Amino acid sequence: MTLTLAALCGFAFLAGFIDAVVGGGGLIQVPALFVLLPQVPPATLLGTNKFASVWGTSIATAQYARRVSMPWHALLPACAAAFAFSFFGAHTVSALQPDVLRPLILVLMIAVLAYTLWKKDLGALHAPKLTRNHEIATGIVVGCVLGFYDGFFGPGTGSFLIFAFVGLFGFSFLAASASAKAVNATTNLAAVGYFVYTDNVLYKMALPMAACNIAGSIIGTRLALRKGSGFVRGLFIVVVCALIARFAWDALAR
């Protein structure tokens, strides 16, 4: 059990690092939990993952907020909408199978990658293109759509949030990553509330994993702030490629 915990903590550190920069930490942490703790029910593994990751995401949000100008007038409504709709999405899982989304998400991820590679200057500069009121309205729509998606399905939420803030708002990749963390922390918090309430968190694993996730998050945030949007864009492309590979593998394995 000691070696298992050490391995999970290592994966949690790496997940916190990746997630702090471009999202996608779940690509690392969730498979690690399922492989290393095969005897634990899936709901408990997912709850343990969310409990460990919400702390790193929250710390990253706080760090970015100190160094990056955050559009709180748009982010707060987006966070409120994401929080509410993540519950709605989680509830909908019982009526619909989330696997029906896999082909659509694969297509969307390929489109996101193609557009990012095609637009070489996408997100290079921070040039907001919406008025204040339009930012608020767009933020609410983004919060509703991706909050529901995170509660219903989840993988790639952080990447979709970053792309939304770059493509729709005109933010740089650094500012988009900072903004995405605030919304993602909210959806994670909603999920944690549900898993804690239903007693689906393995605390003896989740607590040390949370500490390592925070450490990775701190290092990842500091590196993103020092390296800037070019570094965030490069890692974003890597993570999106990894997501595409995962969805393609899942599709071929069925």
Protein backbone atom coordinates (compact mmCIF):
# COMPACT_ATOMS: atom_id res chain seq x y z
CA MET A 1 0.00 0.00 0.00
CA THR A 2 2.93 2.35 0.73
CA LEU A 3 4.32 1.91 -2.78
CA THR A 4 0.86 2.38 -4.27
CA LEU A 5 0.39 5.62 -2.34
CA ALA A 6 3.85 6.85 -3.38
CA ALA A 7 3.04 6.15 -7.03
CA LEU A 8 -0.34 7.89 -6.78
CA CYS A 9 1.33 10.90 -5.18
CA GLY A 10 3.81 11.05 -8.05
CA PHE A 11 1.01 10.98 -10.60
CA ALA A 12 -0.90 13.60 -8.58
CA PHE A 13 2.13 15.91 -8.67
CA LEU A 14 2.43 15.55 -12.44
CA ALA A 15 -1.33 16.02 -12.87
CA GLY A 16 -1.23 19.19 -10.77
CA PHE A 17 1.63 20.54 -12.87
CA ILE A 18 -0.09 19.87 -16.22
CA ASP A 19 -3.48 21.01 -15.00
CA ALA A 20 -2.14 24.32 -13.68
CA VAL A 21 -0.76 25.22 -17.10
CA VAL A 22 -3.33 23.94 -19.61
CA GLY A 23 -5.75 21.62 -17.84
CA GLY A 24 -5.95 17.90 -18.59
CA GLY A 25 -4.61 16.66 -15.27
CA GLY A 26 -7.37 14.08 -15.25
CA LEU A 27 -5.64 12.36 -18.18
CA ILE A 28 -2.90 11.40 -15.72
CA GLN A 29 -4.57 11.10 -12.34
CA VAL A 30 -7.76 9.19 -13.23
CA PRO A 31 -6.09 6.32 -15.17
CA ALA A 32 -3.50 6.03 -12.37
CA LEU A 33 -6.24 5.57 -9.78
CA PHE A 34 -8.07 2.97 -11.88
CA VAL A 35 -4.88 0.98 -12.56
CA LEU A 36 -3.38 1.11 -9.05
CA LEU A 37 -6.62 0.67 -7.09
CA PRO A 38 -8.60 -1.84 -9.18
CA GLN A 39 -10.54 -3.11 -6.16
CA VAL A 40 -12.06 0.30 -5.36
CA PRO A 41 -15.50 1.19 -6.85
CA PRO A 42 -15.33 3.63 -9.82
CA ALA A 43 -17.43 6.29 -8.07
CA THR A 44 -14.98 6.33 -5.15
CA LEU A 45 -12.01 6.57 -7.52
CA LEU A 46 -13.62 9.52 -9.32
CA GLY A 47 -14.43 11.17 -5.99
CA THR A 48 -10.86 10.67 -4.79
CA ASN A 49 -9.58 12.21 -8.03
CA LYS A 50 -11.81 15.27 -7.70
CA PHE A 51 -10.96 15.76 -4.02
CA ALA A 52 -7.23 15.63 -4.79
CA SER A 53 -7.42 17.90 -7.84
CA VAL A 54 -9.75 20.64 -6.59
CA TRP A 55 -7.08 21.91 -4.20
CA GLY A 56 -4.43 22.24 -6.89
CA THR A 57 -6.85 23.99 -9.25
CA SER A 58 -7.88 26.41 -6.50
CA ILE A 59 -4.26 27.20 -5.60
CA ALA A 60 -3.46 27.78 -9.28
CA THR A 61 -6.41 30.18 -9.54
CA ALA A 62 -5.14 32.16 -6.53
CA GLN A 63 -1.60 32.32 -7.94
CA TYR A 64 -2.75 33.46 -11.37
CA ALA A 65 -5.05 36.07 -9.81
CA ARG A 66 -2.05 37.74 -8.15
CA ARG A 67 -0.09 38.06 -11.40
CA VAL A 68 -2.62 38.11 -14.24
CA SER A 69 -5.47 40.55 -14.78
CA MET A 70 -8.61 38.47 -14.25
CA PRO A 71 -11.94 39.64 -15.77
CA TRP A 72 -13.96 38.89 -12.64
CA HIS A 73 -17.02 40.71 -14.01
CA ALA A 74 -17.30 37.88 -16.56
CA LEU A 75 -15.71 35.07 -14.56
CA LEU A 76 -18.00 35.24 -11.53
CA PRO A 77 -21.23 34.78 -13.56
CA ALA A 78 -19.47 32.07 -15.59
CA CYS A 79 -18.44 30.30 -12.37
CA ALA A 80 -21.98 30.50 -10.96
CA ALA A 81 -23.44 29.08 -14.19
CA ALA A 82 -20.79 26.35 -14.34
CA PHE A 83 -21.43 25.36 -10.73
CA ALA A 84 -25.17 25.00 -11.28
CA PHE A 85 -24.93 23.24 -14.63
CA SER A 86 -22.27 20.79 -13.44
CA PHE A 87 -24.84 19.49 -10.96
CA PHE A 88 -27.37 19.34 -13.80
CA GLY A 89 -24.90 17.45 -15.97
CA ALA A 90 -24.12 14.98 -13.18
CA HIS A 91 -27.83 14.36 -12.68
CA THR A 92 -28.36 13.80 -16.41
CA VAL A 93 -25.80 10.97 -16.42
CA SER A 94 -28.41 8.74 -14.79
CA ALA A 95 -30.77 9.24 -17.75
CA LEU A 96 -28.30 9.31 -20.65
CA GLN A 97 -25.08 7.45 -21.38
CA PRO A 98 -22.12 9.87 -21.61
CA ASP A 99 -20.35 7.52 -24.05
CA VAL A 100 -22.63 8.81 -26.83
CA LEU A 101 -20.57 12.01 -26.71
CA ARG A 102 -17.24 10.35 -27.49
CA PRO A 103 -17.40 10.64 -31.32
CA LEU A 104 -18.53 14.28 -31.11
CA ILE A 105 -15.81 15.20 -28.61
CA LEU A 106 -13.18 13.53 -30.80
CA VAL A 107 -14.29 15.63 -33.78
CA LEU A 108 -14.32 18.82 -31.69
CA MET A 109 -10.85 18.12 -30.30
CA ILE A 110 -9.45 17.58 -33.81
CA ALA A 111 -11.07 20.86 -34.91
CA VAL A 112 -9.56 22.69 -31.91
CA LEU A 113 -6.10 21.30 -32.70
CA ALA A 114 -6.35 22.11 -36.41
CA TYR A 115 -7.50 25.68 -35.76
CA THR A 116 -4.78 26.27 -33.15
CA LEU A 117 -2.07 24.99 -35.51
CA TRP A 118 -3.48 26.96 -38.45
CA LYS A 119 -3.70 30.26 -36.57
CA LYS A 120 -0.06 30.65 -35.59
CA ASP A 121 -0.73 33.89 -33.74
CA LEU A 122 -3.78 32.60 -31.86
CA GLY A 123 -3.49 33.60 -28.23
CA ALA A 124 -0.06 35.15 -28.67
CA LEU A 125 -1.30 38.57 -27.59
CA HIS A 126 -3.88 39.53 -25.01
CA ALA A 127 -6.41 41.47 -27.10
CA PRO A 128 -9.96 41.21 -25.63
CA LYS A 129 -12.50 41.73 -28.40
CA LEU A 130 -15.82 41.82 -26.52
CA THR A 131 -17.49 44.65 -24.68
CA ARG A 132 -17.97 44.26 -20.93
CA ASN A 133 -21.64 43.24 -21.29
CA HIS A 134 -20.83 40.80 -24.08
CA GLU A 135 -18.07 39.27 -21.92
CA ILE A 136 -20.59 38.71 -19.13
CA ALA A 137 -23.16 37.13 -21.46
CA THR A 138 -20.57 34.97 -23.20
CA GLY A 139 -19.11 33.94 -19.86
CA ILE A 140 -22.52 32.72 -18.70
CA VAL A 141 -23.02 30.71 -21.89
CA VAL A 142 -19.54 29.17 -21.62
CA GLY A 143 -20.18 28.38 -17.95
CA CYS A 144 -23.49 26.69 -18.72
CA VAL A 145 -22.22 24.60 -21.64
CA LEU A 146 -18.87 23.50 -20.21
CA GLY A 147 -20.20 23.23 -16.66
CA PHE A 148 -22.82 20.77 -17.92
CA TYR A 149 -20.17 18.94 -19.96
CA ASP A 150 -17.86 18.63 -16.94
CA GLY A 151 -20.62 17.21 -14.77
CA PHE A 152 -21.91 14.90 -17.50
CA PHE A 153 -18.66 13.66 -19.03
CA GLY A 154 -15.60 15.69 -18.04
CA PRO A 155 -12.42 14.85 -20.04
CA GLY A 156 -10.94 17.89 -21.77
CA THR A 157 -12.98 20.51 -19.87
CA GLY A 158 -9.89 22.57 -19.03
CA SER A 159 -8.71 22.54 -22.64
CA PHE A 160 -12.14 23.52 -23.97
CA LEU A 161 -12.26 26.39 -21.44
CA ILE A 162 -8.87 27.70 -22.53
CA PHE A 163 -9.85 27.51 -26.20
CA ALA A 164 -13.11 29.35 -25.43
CA PHE A 165 -11.33 32.19 -23.66
CA VAL A 166 -8.77 32.47 -26.49
CA GLY A 167 -11.18 32.10 -29.39
CA LEU A 168 -14.29 33.86 -28.10
CA PHE A 169 -12.81 36.46 -25.76
CA GLY A 170 -9.53 37.20 -27.55
CA PHE A 171 -7.39 36.42 -24.49
CA SER A 172 -3.76 35.35 -24.63
CA PHE A 173 -3.10 31.71 -23.77
CA LEU A 174 -1.71 32.76 -20.38
CA ALA A 175 -4.76 34.88 -19.51
CA ALA A 176 -7.06 32.16 -20.87
CA SER A 177 -5.38 29.52 -18.71
CA ALA A 178 -5.78 31.75 -15.65
CA SER A 179 -9.47 32.37 -16.41
CA ALA A 180 -10.10 28.69 -17.15
CA LYS A 181 -8.72 27.73 -13.73
CA ALA A 182 -11.33 29.85 -11.95
CA VAL A 183 -14.22 28.19 -13.79
CA ASN A 184 -12.71 24.71 -13.55
CA ALA A 185 -12.16 25.08 -9.81
CA THR A 186 -15.87 25.85 -9.48
CA THR A 187 -17.00 22.77 -11.39
CA ASN A 188 -14.55 20.63 -9.42
CA LEU A 189 -15.92 22.04 -6.17
CA ALA A 190 -19.46 21.13 -7.20
CA ALA A 191 -18.34 17.58 -7.98
CA VAL A 192 -16.43 17.29 -4.69
CA GLY A 193 -19.53 18.36 -2.77
CA TYR A 194 -21.49 15.54 -4.40
CA PHE A 195 -18.81 12.89 -3.82
CA VAL A 196 -18.24 13.91 -0.19
CA TYR A 197 -21.99 13.89 0.48
CA THR A 198 -22.32 10.39 -1.00
CA ASP A 199 -19.22 9.17 0.90
CA ASN A 200 -17.26 8.42 -2.27
CA VAL A 201 -13.83 9.77 -1.28
CA LEU A 202 -10.94 7.55 -0.15
CA TYR A 203 -9.39 10.10 2.22
CA LYS A 204 -6.29 8.09 3.14
CA MET A 205 -5.29 8.37 -0.52
CA ALA A 206 -6.96 11.67 -1.39
CA LEU A 207 -5.28 13.80 1.30
CA PRO A 208 -1.62 13.03 0.44
CA MET A 209 -2.51 13.14 -3.25
CA ALA A 210 -4.02 16.60 -2.71
CA ALA A 211 -0.79 17.81 -1.10
CA CYS A 212 1.25 16.57 -4.09
CA ASN A 213 -1.28 17.99 -6.54
CA ILE A 214 -0.89 21.39 -4.86
CA ALA A 215 2.91 21.16 -5.11
CA GLY A 216 2.71 20.35 -8.82
CA SER A 217 0.19 23.13 -9.32
CA ILE A 218 2.44 25.72 -7.69
CA ILE A 219 5.41 24.77 -9.86
CA GLY A 220 3.28 24.60 -13.02
CA THR A 221 1.72 28.01 -12.41
CA ARG A 222 5.05 29.66 -11.71
CA LEU A 223 6.56 28.16 -14.86
CA ALA A 224 3.60 29.32 -16.97
CA LEU A 225 3.85 32.83 -15.55
CA ARG A 226 7.59 32.94 -16.24
CA LYS A 227 7.51 31.38 -19.72
CA GLY A 228 4.35 33.15 -20.95
CA SER A 229 1.75 32.39 -23.61
CA GLY A 230 4.11 30.64 -26.03
CA PHE A 231 4.87 27.95 -23.45
CA VAL A 232 1.19 27.57 -22.55
CA ARG A 233 0.24 27.26 -26.24
CA GLY A 234 2.85 24.55 -26.83
CA LEU A 235 1.74 22.48 -23.85
CA PHE A 236 -1.90 23.05 -24.83
CA ILE A 237 -1.22 21.46 -28.23
CA VAL A 238 0.47 18.48 -26.54
CA VAL A 239 -2.45 17.93 -24.16
CA VAL A 240 -5.05 18.23 -26.94
CA CYS A 241 -3.09 15.65 -28.96
CA ALA A 242 -3.12 13.36 -25.92
CA LEU A 243 -6.89 13.82 -25.57
CA ILE A 244 -7.41 13.03 -29.26
CA ALA A 245 -5.30 9.89 -28.89
CA ARG A 246 -7.30 8.81 -25.86
CA PHE A 247 -10.69 9.31 -27.52
CA ALA A 248 -9.50 7.61 -30.70
CA TRP A 249 -8.20 4.63 -28.70
CA ASP A 250 -11.51 4.39 -26.81
CA ALA A 251 -13.42 4.47 -30.10
CA LEU A 252 -11.27 1.73 -31.68
CA ALA A 253 -11.42 -0.43 -28.54
CA ARG A 254 -15.23 -0.60 -28.67
